[in-house]
Structures are given as structure tokens and as C-alpha cells.
PDB file of N, CA and C in Angstrom:
ATOM      1  N   MET A   1     -49.462 -17.533 -75.324  1.00  0.00           N
ATOM      2  CA  MET A   1     -49.972 -17.098 -73.946  1.00  0.00           C
ATOM      3  C   MET A   1     -48.749 -16.097 -73.045  1.00  0.00           C
ATOM      4  N   PRO A   2     -49.092 -15.241 -72.171  1.00  0.00           N
ATOM      5  CA  PRO A   2     -48.224 -15.179 -71.609  1.00  0.00           C
ATOM      6  C   PRO A   2     -47.436 -15.474 -70.254  1.00  0.00           C
ATOM      7  N   GLN A   3     -46.447 -15.400 -69.894  1.00  0.00           N
ATOM      8  CA  GLN A   3     -46.018 -16.705 -68.798  1.00  0.00           C
ATOM      9  C   GLN A   3     -46.189 -15.727 -67.589  1.00  0.00           C
ATOM     10  N   PHE A   4     -46.020 -15.872 -66.166  1.00  0.00           N
ATOM     11  CA  PHE A   4     -46.363 -15.406 -65.206  1.00  0.00           C
ATOM     12  C   PHE A   4     -46.038 -16.078 -64.553  1.00  0.00           C
ATOM     13  N   LEU A   5     -45.327 -14.914 -62.843  1.00  0.00           N
ATOM     14  CA  LEU A   5     -44.772 -15.572 -62.177  1.00  0.00           C
ATOM     15  C   LEU A   5     -45.357 -15.829 -60.839  1.00  0.00           C
ATOM     16  N   ALA A   6     -45.414 -16.264 -59.715  1.00  0.00           N
ATOM     17  CA  ALA A   6     -46.281 -15.899 -58.283  1.00  0.00           C
ATOM     18  C   ALA A   6     -45.597 -16.468 -57.279  1.00  0.00           C
ATOM     19  N   SER A   7     -45.602 -15.625 -56.319  1.00  0.00           N
ATOM     20  CA  SER A   7     -44.776 -15.829 -55.197  1.00  0.00           C
ATOM     21  C   SER A   7     -45.525 -15.860 -53.878  1.00  0.00           C
ATOM     22  N   TYR A   8     -45.519 -16.334 -52.980  1.00  0.00           N
ATOM     23  CA  TYR A   8     -46.786 -16.345 -52.189  1.00  0.00           C
ATOM     24  C   TYR A   8     -46.108 -16.935 -50.579  1.00  0.00           C
ATOM     25  N   ASP A   9     -46.800 -16.297 -49.793  1.00  0.00           N
ATOM     26  CA  ASP A   9     -47.067 -16.952 -48.120  1.00  0.00           C
ATOM     27  C   ASP A   9     -48.375 -17.436 -47.738  1.00  0.00           C
ATOM     28  N   LEU A  10     -48.231 -19.191 -47.548  1.00  0.00           N
ATOM     29  CA  LEU A  10     -49.326 -19.018 -46.283  1.00  0.00           C
ATOM     30  C   LEU A  10     -49.632 -19.441 -45.379  1.00  0.00           C
ATOM     31  N   THR A  11     -50.386 -19.225 -44.624  1.00  0.00           N
ATOM     32  CA  THR A  11     -50.798 -19.302 -43.430  1.00  0.00           C
ATOM     33  C   THR A  11     -50.122 -20.903 -42.574  1.00  0.00           C
ATOM     34  N   ASN A  12     -49.578 -21.161 -41.212  1.00  0.00           N
ATOM     35  CA  ASN A  12     -48.627 -22.299 -40.629  1.00  0.00           C
ATOM     36  C   ASN A  12     -49.704 -23.043 -40.445  1.00  0.00           C
ATOM     37  N   THR A  13     -50.152 -24.004 -40.799  1.00  0.00           N
ATOM     38  CA  THR A  13     -50.896 -24.881 -40.004  1.00  0.00           C
ATOM     39  C   THR A  13     -50.546 -26.569 -40.029  1.00  0.00           C
ATOM     40  N   PHE A  14     -51.251 -27.115 -38.856  1.00  0.00           N
ATOM     41  CA  PHE A  14     -50.790 -28.300 -39.352  1.00  0.00           C
ATOM     42  C   PHE A  14     -51.684 -29.286 -39.356  1.00  0.00           C
ATOM     43  N   PRO A  15     -51.456 -30.180 -40.948  1.00  0.00           N
ATOM     44  CA  PRO A  15     -50.583 -30.185 -41.568  1.00  0.00           C
ATOM     45  C   PRO A  15     -49.951 -29.170 -41.930  1.00  0.00           C
ATOM     46  N   SER A  16     -49.148 -28.780 -42.300  1.00  0.00           N
ATOM     47  CA  SER A  16     -48.318 -27.619 -43.374  1.00  0.00           C
ATOM     48  C   SER A  16     -49.280 -27.746 -44.318  1.00  0.00           C
ATOM     49  N   PRO A  17     -49.471 -26.219 -45.148  1.00  0.00           N
ATOM     50  CA  PRO A  17     -49.530 -26.693 -46.393  1.00  0.00           C
ATOM     51  C   PRO A  17     -49.089 -26.292 -47.530  1.00  0.00           C
ATOM     52  N   TYR A  18     -48.298 -26.394 -47.892  1.00  0.00           N
ATOM     53  CA  TYR A  18     -47.043 -25.873 -49.192  1.00  0.00           C
ATOM     54  C   TYR A  18     -47.001 -27.043 -49.323  1.00  0.00           C
ATOM     55  N   ALA A  19     -46.421 -28.065 -48.926  1.00  0.00           N
ATOM     56  CA  ALA A  19     -46.699 -29.169 -50.420  1.00  0.00           C
ATOM     57  C   ALA A  19     -47.859 -29.430 -50.877  1.00  0.00           C
ATOM     58  N   PRO A  20     -48.825 -29.667 -49.730  1.00  0.00           N
ATOM     59  CA  PRO A  20     -50.227 -29.922 -50.864  1.00  0.00           C
ATOM     60  C   PRO A  20     -50.467 -28.425 -51.821  1.00  0.00           C
ATOM     61  N   PHE A  21     -50.407 -27.802 -51.518  1.00  0.00           N
ATOM     62  CA  PHE A  21     -50.426 -26.707 -52.240  1.00  0.00           C
ATOM     63  C   PHE A  21     -49.580 -26.493 -53.262  1.00  0.00           C
ATOM     64  N   ILE A  22     -48.646 -27.216 -53.860  1.00  0.00           N
ATOM     65  CA  ILE A  22     -48.269 -26.936 -54.701  1.00  0.00           C
ATOM     66  C   ILE A  22     -48.252 -28.330 -55.537  1.00  0.00           C
ATOM     67  N   GLU A  23     -49.351 -29.481 -55.018  1.00  0.00           N
ATOM     68  CA  GLU A  23     -49.853 -30.365 -55.605  1.00  0.00           C
ATOM     69  C   GLU A  23     -51.228 -29.748 -56.115  1.00  0.00           C
ATOM     70  N   GLN A  24     -51.812 -28.831 -55.485  1.00  0.00           N
ATOM     71  CA  GLN A  24     -52.982 -28.148 -55.978  1.00  0.00           C
ATOM     72  C   GLN A  24     -52.847 -27.194 -57.083  1.00  0.00           C
ATOM     73  N   THR A  25     -51.714 -26.553 -57.429  1.00  0.00           N
ATOM     74  CA  THR A  25     -51.050 -25.574 -58.382  1.00  0.00           C
ATOM     75  C   THR A  25     -51.048 -26.985 -59.606  1.00  0.00           C
ATOM     76  N   ILE A  26     -50.589 -27.308 -59.617  1.00  0.00           N
ATOM     77  CA  ILE A  26     -50.121 -28.400 -61.197  1.00  0.00           C
ATOM     78  C   ILE A  26     -51.383 -28.231 -62.246  1.00  0.00           C
ATOM     79  N   PRO A  27     -52.337 -29.249 -61.350  1.00  0.00           N
ATOM     80  CA  PRO A  27     -53.851 -29.192 -62.438  1.00  0.00           C
ATOM     81  C   PRO A  27     -54.264 -27.856 -63.344  1.00  0.00           C
ATOM     82  N   ARG A  28     -53.729 -26.305 -62.019  1.00  0.00           N
ATOM     83  CA  ARG A  28     -54.368 -25.429 -62.354  1.00  0.00           C
ATOM     84  C   ARG A  28     -53.448 -24.806 -62.846  1.00  0.00           C
ATOM     85  N   GLY A  29     -52.565 -25.166 -63.728  1.00  0.00           N
ATOM     86  CA  GLY A  29     -51.126 -24.192 -65.247  1.00  0.00           C
ATOM     87  C   GLY A  29     -50.441 -24.015 -64.308  1.00  0.00           C
ATOM     88  N   TRP A  30     -50.137 -23.680 -63.008  1.00  0.00           N
ATOM     89  CA  TRP A  30     -48.491 -23.180 -62.221  1.00  0.00           C
ATOM     90  C   TRP A  30     -47.754 -24.836 -62.063  1.00  0.00           C
ATOM     91  N   SER A  31     -46.840 -24.652 -62.187  1.00  0.00           N
ATOM     92  CA  SER A  31     -45.361 -25.278 -61.666  1.00  0.00           C
ATOM     93  C   SER A  31     -44.497 -24.264 -61.028  1.00  0.00           C
ATOM     94  N   PRO A  32     -43.647 -25.328 -59.916  1.00  0.00           N
ATOM     95  CA  PRO A  32     -42.532 -24.845 -59.641  1.00  0.00           C
ATOM     96  C   PRO A  32     -41.634 -25.062 -60.177  1.00  0.00           C
ATOM     97  N   TRP A  33     -41.554 -25.202 -61.437  1.00  0.00           N
ATOM     98  CA  TRP A  33     -40.570 -25.542 -62.696  1.00  0.00           C
ATOM     99  C   TRP A  33     -40.381 -24.624 -63.663  1.00  0.00           C
ATOM    100  N   ILE A  34     -39.058 -23.737 -64.074  1.00  0.00           N
ATOM    101  CA  ILE A  34     -39.455 -23.037 -65.364  1.00  0.00           C
ATOM    102  C   ILE A  34     -38.914 -23.643 -66.290  1.00  0.00           C
ATOM    103  N   PRO A  35     -39.500 -23.478 -67.575  1.00  0.00           N
ATOM    104  CA  PRO A  35     -38.245 -24.188 -68.392  1.00  0.00           C
ATOM    105  C   PRO A  35     -37.344 -23.056 -69.048  1.00  0.00           C
ATOM    106  N   VAL A  36     -36.400 -23.344 -69.667  1.00  0.00           N
ATOM    107  CA  VAL A  36     -34.932 -22.803 -69.992  1.00  0.00           C
ATOM    108  C   VAL A  36     -34.591 -23.845 -71.427  1.00  0.00           C
ATOM    109  N   GLN A  37     -33.796 -23.310 -71.638  1.00  0.00           N
ATOM    110  CA  GLN A  37     -33.366 -23.884 -73.382  1.00  0.00           C
ATOM    111  C   GLN A  37     -33.004 -25.002 -73.325  1.00  0.00           C
ATOM    112  N   ASN A  38     -33.008 -25.689 -74.407  1.00  0.00           N
ATOM    113  CA  ASN A  38     -32.308 -27.216 -74.667  1.00  0.00           C
ATOM    114  C   ASN A  38     -33.458 -27.944 -74.060  1.00  0.00           C
ATOM    115  N   GLY A  39     -34.878 -27.863 -73.664  1.00  0.00           N
ATOM    116  CA  GLY A  39     -35.941 -28.249 -72.861  1.00  0.00           C
ATOM    117  C   GLY A  39     -35.335 -28.773 -71.463  1.00  0.00           C
ATOM    118  N   GLN A  40     -34.874 -28.074 -70.925  1.00  0.00           N
ATOM    119  CA  GLN A  40     -33.984 -28.467 -69.151  1.00  0.00           C
ATOM    120  C   GLN A  40     -35.532 -27.476 -68.590  1.00  0.00           C
ATOM    121  N   ALA A  41     -35.832 -27.310 -67.604  1.00  0.00           N
ATOM    122  CA  ALA A  41     -36.438 -26.804 -66.694  1.00  0.00           C
ATOM    123  C   ALA A  41     -35.082 -26.760 -65.544  1.00  0.00           C
ATOM    124  N   TYR A  42     -35.838 -25.352 -64.857  1.00  0.00           N
ATOM    125  CA  TYR A  42     -34.801 -25.290 -63.456  1.00  0.00           C
ATOM    126  C   TYR A  42     -36.031 -25.102 -62.268  1.00  0.00           C
ATOM    127  N   ARG A  43     -35.975 -25.500 -61.097  1.00  0.00           N
ATOM    128  CA  ARG A  43     -36.589 -25.394 -59.925  1.00  0.00           C
ATOM    129  C   ARG A  43     -36.454 -24.158 -59.375  1.00  0.00           C
ATOM    130  N   LEU A  44     -37.918 -23.697 -59.236  1.00  0.00           N
ATOM    131  CA  LEU A  44     -37.716 -22.073 -58.960  1.00  0.00           C
ATOM    132  C   LEU A  44     -37.724 -22.018 -57.364  1.00  0.00           C
ATOM    133  N   PRO A  45     -37.494 -21.018 -56.484  1.00  0.00           N
ATOM    134  CA  PRO A  45     -37.037 -20.891 -55.287  1.00  0.00           C
ATOM    135  C   PRO A  45     -38.877 -21.044 -54.626  1.00  0.00           C
ATOM    136  N   ASN A  46     -38.476 -21.853 -53.406  1.00  0.00           N
ATOM    137  CA  ASN A  46     -39.556 -22.165 -52.368  1.00  0.00           C
ATOM    138  C   ASN A  46     -40.972 -20.925 -52.278  1.00  0.00           C
ATOM    139  N   THR A  47     -41.896 -21.508 -52.724  1.00  0.00           N
ATOM    140  CA  THR A  47     -43.429 -20.711 -52.523  1.00  0.00           C
ATOM    141  C   THR A  47     -42.845 -19.695 -53.758  1.00  0.00           C
ATOM    142  N   THR A  48     -42.821 -20.145 -54.770  1.00  0.00           N
ATOM    143  CA  THR A  48     -42.822 -19.214 -56.052  1.00  0.00           C
ATOM    144  C   THR A  48     -43.078 -20.483 -57.644  1.00  0.00           C
ATOM    145  N   VAL A  49     -44.059 -19.852 -57.979  1.00  0.00           N
ATOM    146  CA  VAL A  49     -44.085 -20.518 -58.892  1.00  0.00           C
ATOM    147  C   VAL A  49     -44.637 -19.851 -60.497  1.00  0.00           C
ATOM    148  N   GLN A  50     -44.838 -20.715 -61.878  1.00  0.00           N
ATOM    149  CA  GLN A  50     -44.840 -20.287 -62.431  1.00  0.00           C
ATOM    150  C   GLN A  50     -45.842 -20.761 -63.551  1.00  0.00           C
ATOM    151  N   GLY A  51     -46.501 -19.827 -64.649  1.00  0.00           N
ATOM    152  CA  GLY A  51     -47.459 -20.548 -65.359  1.00  0.00           C
ATOM    153  C   GLY A  51     -47.478 -19.859 -66.921  1.00  0.00           C
ATOM    154  N   ASP A  52     -48.693 -20.158 -67.658  1.00  0.00           N
ATOM    155  CA  ASP A  52     -48.570 -19.791 -68.941  1.00  0.00           C
ATOM    156  C   ASP A  52     -50.230 -19.667 -68.603  1.00  0.00           C
ATOM    157  N   PHE A  53     -51.200 -18.370 -68.762  1.00  0.00           N
ATOM    158  CA  PHE A  53     -52.282 -17.706 -68.843  1.00  0.00           C
ATOM    159  C   PHE A  53     -52.702 -17.022 -69.719  1.00  0.00           C
ATOM    160  N   PRO A  54     -54.082 -16.808 -70.230  1.00  0.00           N
ATOM    161  CA  PRO A  54     -54.324 -15.560 -70.974  1.00  0.00           C
ATOM    162  C   PRO A  54     -54.027 -14.308 -70.546  1.00  0.00           C
ATOM    163  N   THR A  55     -54.401 -13.969 -69.374  1.00  0.00           N
ATOM    164  CA  THR A  55     -54.708 -12.834 -68.796  1.00  0.00           C
ATOM    165  C   THR A  55     -54.082 -12.638 -67.212  1.00  0.00           C
ATOM    166  N   LEU A  56     -53.936 -11.846 -66.547  1.00  0.00           N
ATOM    167  CA  LEU A  56     -53.508 -11.625 -65.145  1.00  0.00           C
ATOM    168  C   LEU A  56     -54.330 -11.927 -64.247  1.00  0.00           C
ATOM    169  N   GLU A  57     -55.477 -11.856 -65.036  1.00  0.00           N
ATOM    170  CA  GLU A  57     -56.712 -12.046 -63.525  1.00  0.00           C
ATOM    171  C   GLU A  57     -56.566 -13.634 -64.010  1.00  0.00           C
ATOM    172  N   ALA A  58     -56.527 -14.191 -64.735  1.00  0.00           N
ATOM    173  CA  ALA A  58     -56.582 -15.696 -65.105  1.00  0.00           C
ATOM    174  C   ALA A  58     -55.797 -16.382 -64.218  1.00  0.00           C
ATOM    175  N   ALA A  59     -54.645 -15.617 -64.041  1.00  0.00           N
ATOM    176  CA  ALA A  59     -53.868 -16.498 -62.956  1.00  0.00           C
ATOM    177  C   ALA A  59     -54.010 -15.805 -61.739  1.00  0.00           C
ATOM    178  N   VAL A  60     -54.430 -15.008 -61.307  1.00  0.00           N
ATOM    179  CA  VAL A  60     -55.015 -15.034 -60.262  1.00  0.00           C
ATOM    180  C   VAL A  60     -55.645 -15.869 -59.406  1.00  0.00           C
ATOM    181  N   ALA A  61     -56.733 -15.980 -60.629  1.00  0.00           N
ATOM    182  CA  ALA A  61     -57.834 -17.084 -59.739  1.00  0.00           C
ATOM    183  C   ALA A  61     -57.473 -18.046 -60.093  1.00  0.00           C
ATOM    184  N   GLU A  62     -56.684 -18.674 -60.802  1.00  0.00           N
ATOM    185  CA  GLU A  62     -56.017 -20.118 -60.463  1.00  0.00           C
ATOM    186  C   GLU A  62     -55.013 -20.010 -59.532  1.00  0.00           C
ATOM    187  N   LEU A  63     -54.464 -19.074 -58.839  1.00  0.00           N
ATOM    188  CA  LEU A  63     -53.939 -18.922 -57.545  1.00  0.00           C
ATOM    189  C   LEU A  63     -55.147 -19.820 -56.627  1.00  0.00           C
ATOM    190  N   GLU A  64     -55.436 -18.400 -56.481  1.00  0.00           N
ATOM    191  CA  GLU A  64     -56.655 -18.548 -55.491  1.00  0.00           C
ATOM    192  C   GLU A  64     -57.466 -19.993 -55.675  1.00  0.00           C
ATOM    193  N   ALA A  65     -57.698 -20.572 -56.400  1.00  0.00           N
ATOM    194  CA  ALA A  65     -58.454 -21.614 -56.576  1.00  0.00           C
ATOM    195  C   ALA A  65     -57.243 -23.180 -56.375  1.00  0.00           C
ATOM    196  N   ALA A  66     -56.318 -22.855 -56.642  1.00  0.00           N
ATOM    197  CA  ALA A  66     -55.686 -23.675 -55.829  1.00  0.00           C
ATOM    198  C   ALA A  66     -55.144 -23.357 -54.071  1.00  0.00           C
ATOM    199  N   ARG A  67     -55.455 -22.446 -53.476  1.00  0.00           N
ATOM    200  CA  ARG A  67     -55.293 -21.875 -52.123  1.00  0.00           C
ATOM    201  C   ARG A  67     -56.515 -22.679 -51.493  1.00  0.00           C
ATOM    202  N   ALA A  68     -57.767 -22.630 -52.151  1.00  0.00           N
ATOM    203  CA  ALA A  68     -59.012 -22.999 -52.131  1.00  0.00           C
ATOM    204  C   ALA A  68     -58.723 -24.756 -51.640  1.00  0.00           C
ATOM    205  N   ALA A  69     -58.567 -24.998 -53.173  1.00  0.00           N
ATOM    206  CA  ALA A  69     -58.176 -26.839 -52.942  1.00  0.00           C
ATOM    207  C   ALA A  69     -57.729 -27.248 -52.265  1.00  0.00           C
ATOM    208  N   THR A  70     -56.798 -26.462 -51.485  1.00  0.00           N
ATOM    209  CA  THR A  70     -55.688 -26.714 -50.694  1.00  0.00           C
ATOM    210  C   THR A  70     -56.606 -27.111 -48.856  1.00  0.00           C
ATOM    211  N   ALA A  71     -56.856 -25.932 -48.961  1.00  0.00           N
ATOM    212  CA  ALA A  71     -57.664 -25.981 -47.421  1.00  0.00           C
ATOM    213  C   ALA A  71     -58.661 -27.157 -47.838  1.00  0.00           C
ATOM    214  N   ARG A  72     -59.718 -27.075 -48.511  1.00  0.00           N
ATOM    215  CA  ARG A  72     -60.346 -28.550 -48.632  1.00  0.00           C
ATOM    216  C   ARG A  72     -59.633 -29.382 -48.345  1.00  0.00           C
ATOM    217  N   ALA A  73     -58.149 -30.303 -49.584  1.00  0.00           N
ATOM    218  CA  ALA A  73     -57.608 -30.966 -49.203  1.00  0.00           C
ATOM    219  C   ALA A  73     -57.277 -31.445 -47.917  1.00  0.00           C
ATOM    220  N   ILE A  74     -56.512 -30.634 -47.313  1.00  0.00           N
ATOM    221  CA  ILE A  74     -56.034 -30.891 -45.815  1.00  0.00           C
ATOM    222  C   ILE A  74     -57.122 -30.526 -44.531  1.00  0.00           C
ATOM    223  N   GLY A  75     -58.334 -30.033 -44.696  1.00  0.00           N
ATOM    224  CA  GLY A  75     -59.319 -29.854 -43.778  1.00  0.00           C
ATOM    225  C   GLY A  75     -59.105 -28.697 -42.540  1.00  0.00           C
ATOM    226  N   LYS A  76     -58.574 -28.002 -43.306  1.00  0.00           N
ATOM    227  CA  LYS A  76     -57.605 -26.613 -42.403  1.00  0.00           C
ATOM    228  C   LYS A  76     -58.035 -25.187 -43.320  1.00  0.00           C
ATOM    229  N   ILE A  77     -58.321 -23.998 -42.695  1.00  0.00           N
ATOM    230  CA  ILE A  77     -58.433 -23.053 -43.114  1.00  0.00           C
ATOM    231  C   ILE A  77     -56.766 -22.523 -43.558  1.00  0.00           C
ATOM    232  N   VAL A  78     -56.607 -22.394 -44.972  1.00  0.00           N
ATOM    233  CA  VAL A  78     -55.436 -21.993 -45.675  1.00  0.00           C
ATOM    234  C   VAL A  78     -55.431 -20.453 -46.019  1.00  0.00           C
ATOM    235  N   GLU A  79     -54.770 -19.320 -45.025  1.00  0.00           N
ATOM    236  CA  GLU A  79     -54.789 -17.893 -45.880  1.00  0.00           C
ATOM    237  C   GLU A  79     -53.378 -17.925 -46.623  1.00  0.00           C
ATOM    238  N   MET A  80     -53.552 -17.076 -47.603  1.00  0.00           N
ATOM    239  CA  MET A  80     -52.509 -16.423 -48.531  1.00  0.00           C
ATOM    240  C   MET A  80     -52.071 -14.937 -48.073  1.00  0.00           C
ATOM    241  N   PRO A  81     -51.889 -14.562 -46.626  1.00  0.00           N
ATOM    242  CA  PRO A  81     -51.687 -12.934 -46.535  1.00  0.00           C
ATOM    243  C   PRO A  81     -50.780 -12.052 -47.402  1.00  0.00           C
ATOM    244  N   LYS A  82     -49.829 -12.965 -48.000  1.00  0.00           N
ATOM    245  CA  LYS A  82     -49.298 -11.964 -49.002  1.00  0.00           C
ATOM    246  C   LYS A  82     -49.030 -12.996 -50.501  1.00  0.00           C
ATOM    247  N   TRP A  83     -48.976 -12.511 -51.685  1.00  0.00           N
ATOM    248  CA  TRP A  83     -48.781 -13.133 -52.674  1.00  0.00           C
ATOM    249  C   TRP A  83     -48.637 -11.779 -53.583  1.00  0.00           C
ATOM    250  N   ILE A  84     -47.607 -12.260 -55.052  1.00  0.00           N
ATOM    251  CA  ILE A  84     -47.581 -11.514 -56.347  1.00  0.00           C
ATOM    252  C   ILE A  84     -48.017 -12.269 -57.169  1.00  0.00           C
ATOM    253  N   VAL A  85     -48.490 -12.031 -58.219  1.00  0.00           N
ATOM    254  CA  VAL A  85     -48.442 -11.986 -59.826  1.00  0.00           C
ATOM    255  C   VAL A  85     -48.227 -11.276 -61.073  1.00  0.00           C
ATOM    256  N   THR A  86     -46.832 -11.853 -61.392  1.00  0.00           N
ATOM    257  CA  THR A  86     -46.610 -10.605 -62.234  1.00  0.00           C
ATOM    258  C   THR A  86     -46.097 -11.319 -63.606  1.00  0.00           C
ATOM    259  N   GLU A  87     -46.255 -10.471 -64.627  1.00  0.00           N
ATOM    260  CA  GLU A  87     -46.025 -11.546 -65.755  1.00  0.00           C
ATOM    261  C   GLU A  87     -44.333 -11.228 -66.407  1.00  0.00           C
ATOM    262  N   ALA A  88     -43.878 -12.586 -66.533  1.00  0.00           N
ATOM    263  CA  ALA A  88     -42.312 -12.477 -66.477  1.00  0.00           C
ATOM    264  C   ALA A  88     -41.758 -12.105 -67.567  1.00  0.00           C
ATOM    265  N   SER A  89     -40.955 -11.671 -67.955  1.00  0.00           N
ATOM    266  CA  SER A  89     -40.176 -11.083 -69.235  1.00  0.00           C
ATOM    267  C   SER A  89     -38.959 -11.002 -68.977  1.00  0.00           C
ATOM    268  N   ASN A  90     -37.808 -11.263 -69.999  1.00  0.00           N
ATOM    269  CA  ASN A  90     -36.386 -11.269 -69.820  1.00  0.00           C
ATOM    270  C   ASN A  90     -35.604 -11.403 -68.497  1.00  0.00           C
ATOM    271  N   ALA A  91     -36.522 -12.772 -67.724  1.00  0.00           N
ATOM    272  CA  ALA A  91     -35.814 -13.577 -67.125  1.00  0.00           C
ATOM    273  C   ALA A  91     -34.689 -14.162 -67.240  1.00  0.00           C
ATOM    274  N   ILE A  92     -33.687 -14.248 -65.837  1.00  0.00           N
ATOM    275  CA  ILE A  92     -32.651 -14.845 -65.571  1.00  0.00           C
ATOM    276  C   ILE A  92     -32.835 -15.751 -64.058  1.00  0.00           C
ATOM    277  N   VAL A  93     -32.340 -16.980 -64.732  1.00  0.00           N
ATOM    278  CA  VAL A  93     -32.937 -17.873 -63.680  1.00  0.00           C
ATOM    279  C   VAL A  93     -31.729 -18.526 -63.184  1.00  0.00           C
ATOM    280  N   ALA A  94     -31.323 -19.275 -61.971  1.00  0.00           N
ATOM    281  CA  ALA A  94     -30.116 -19.933 -61.751  1.00  0.00           C
ATOM    282  C   ALA A  94     -30.736 -20.964 -60.669  1.00  0.00           C
ATOM    283  N   SER A  95     -30.352 -22.245 -61.106  1.00  0.00           N
ATOM    284  CA  SER A  95     -31.087 -23.420 -59.710  1.00  0.00           C
ATOM    285  C   SER A  95     -29.922 -24.195 -59.594  1.00  0.00           C
ATOM    286  N   ASP A  96     -30.012 -24.714 -58.513  1.00  0.00           N
ATOM    287  CA  ASP A  96     -29.334 -25.970 -57.689  1.00  0.00           C
ATOM    288  C   ASP A  96     -30.321 -27.521 -58.511  1.00  0.00           C
ATOM    289  N   GLU A  97     -31.315 -27.153 -58.747  1.00  0.00           N
ATOM    290  CA  GLU A  97     -31.890 -28.539 -59.115  1.00  0.00           C
ATOM    291  C   GLU A  97     -32.727 -28.111 -60.465  1.00  0.00           C
ATOM    292  N   GLN A  98     -32.054 -29.043 -61.619  1.00  0.00           N
ATOM    293  CA  GLN A  98     -32.699 -29.526 -62.566  1.00  0.00           C
ATOM    294  C   GLN A  98     -33.274 -30.929 -63.232  1.00  0.00           C
ATOM    295  N   ARG A  99     -33.955 -30.379 -64.097  1.00  0.00           N
ATOM    296  CA  ARG A  99     -34.511 -31.907 -65.090  1.00  0.00           C
ATOM    297  C   ARG A  99     -34.418 -31.584 -66.403  1.00  0.00           C
TER     298      ARG A  99
END
């Protein structure tokens, strides 16, 4: 399956939606970690996730589902006024967090 990268902005609310959003993306196929060589993974920049999906449309749908689930989880309207989802290819990644 193709690998996709997503970057997003969320509306600021109290409580902040950012940590709950990441929690909601994980069961939907997204991750804030990107696999690299030798089984390692690098942490992506804040508000960036990656995942493997059959199509671009499926990737976008799962990102939107995570936004809606975050709103339900924190009981606030959570908007995503800016976002991009793109297929990853020939990427070079650097991160100060590895696992």
C-alpha cells in the first residue's frame, strides 16, 4: 500500500485538541512515527502523521474521522482549517526522537 504524509492545523480549544487528535489517528492507520532502516522509527514534526492506505481518498477519510472522533472525545468543536495529505516518495527524514 502507498504511504501518505499528512500535516494539519487544528483550532485551539480548551482542552487542547492536539494530544487527543494524535490518540485518535493511531487506530485509524496514522502514526506520528515514520519507519526508517533497521526497524527504527523517527518521530515526525508536530502536527504531522504518516500511514499506509490503499488510496489518497482513504487517507483523507481517516484523517477526517480522527478529527470528528477528537471532537467527540473532548466534547468541543474541533476544526481542521488547514491540512495536506500527500503520497510519500523518496523522503529523507531527520529527527531528534528515535525508537
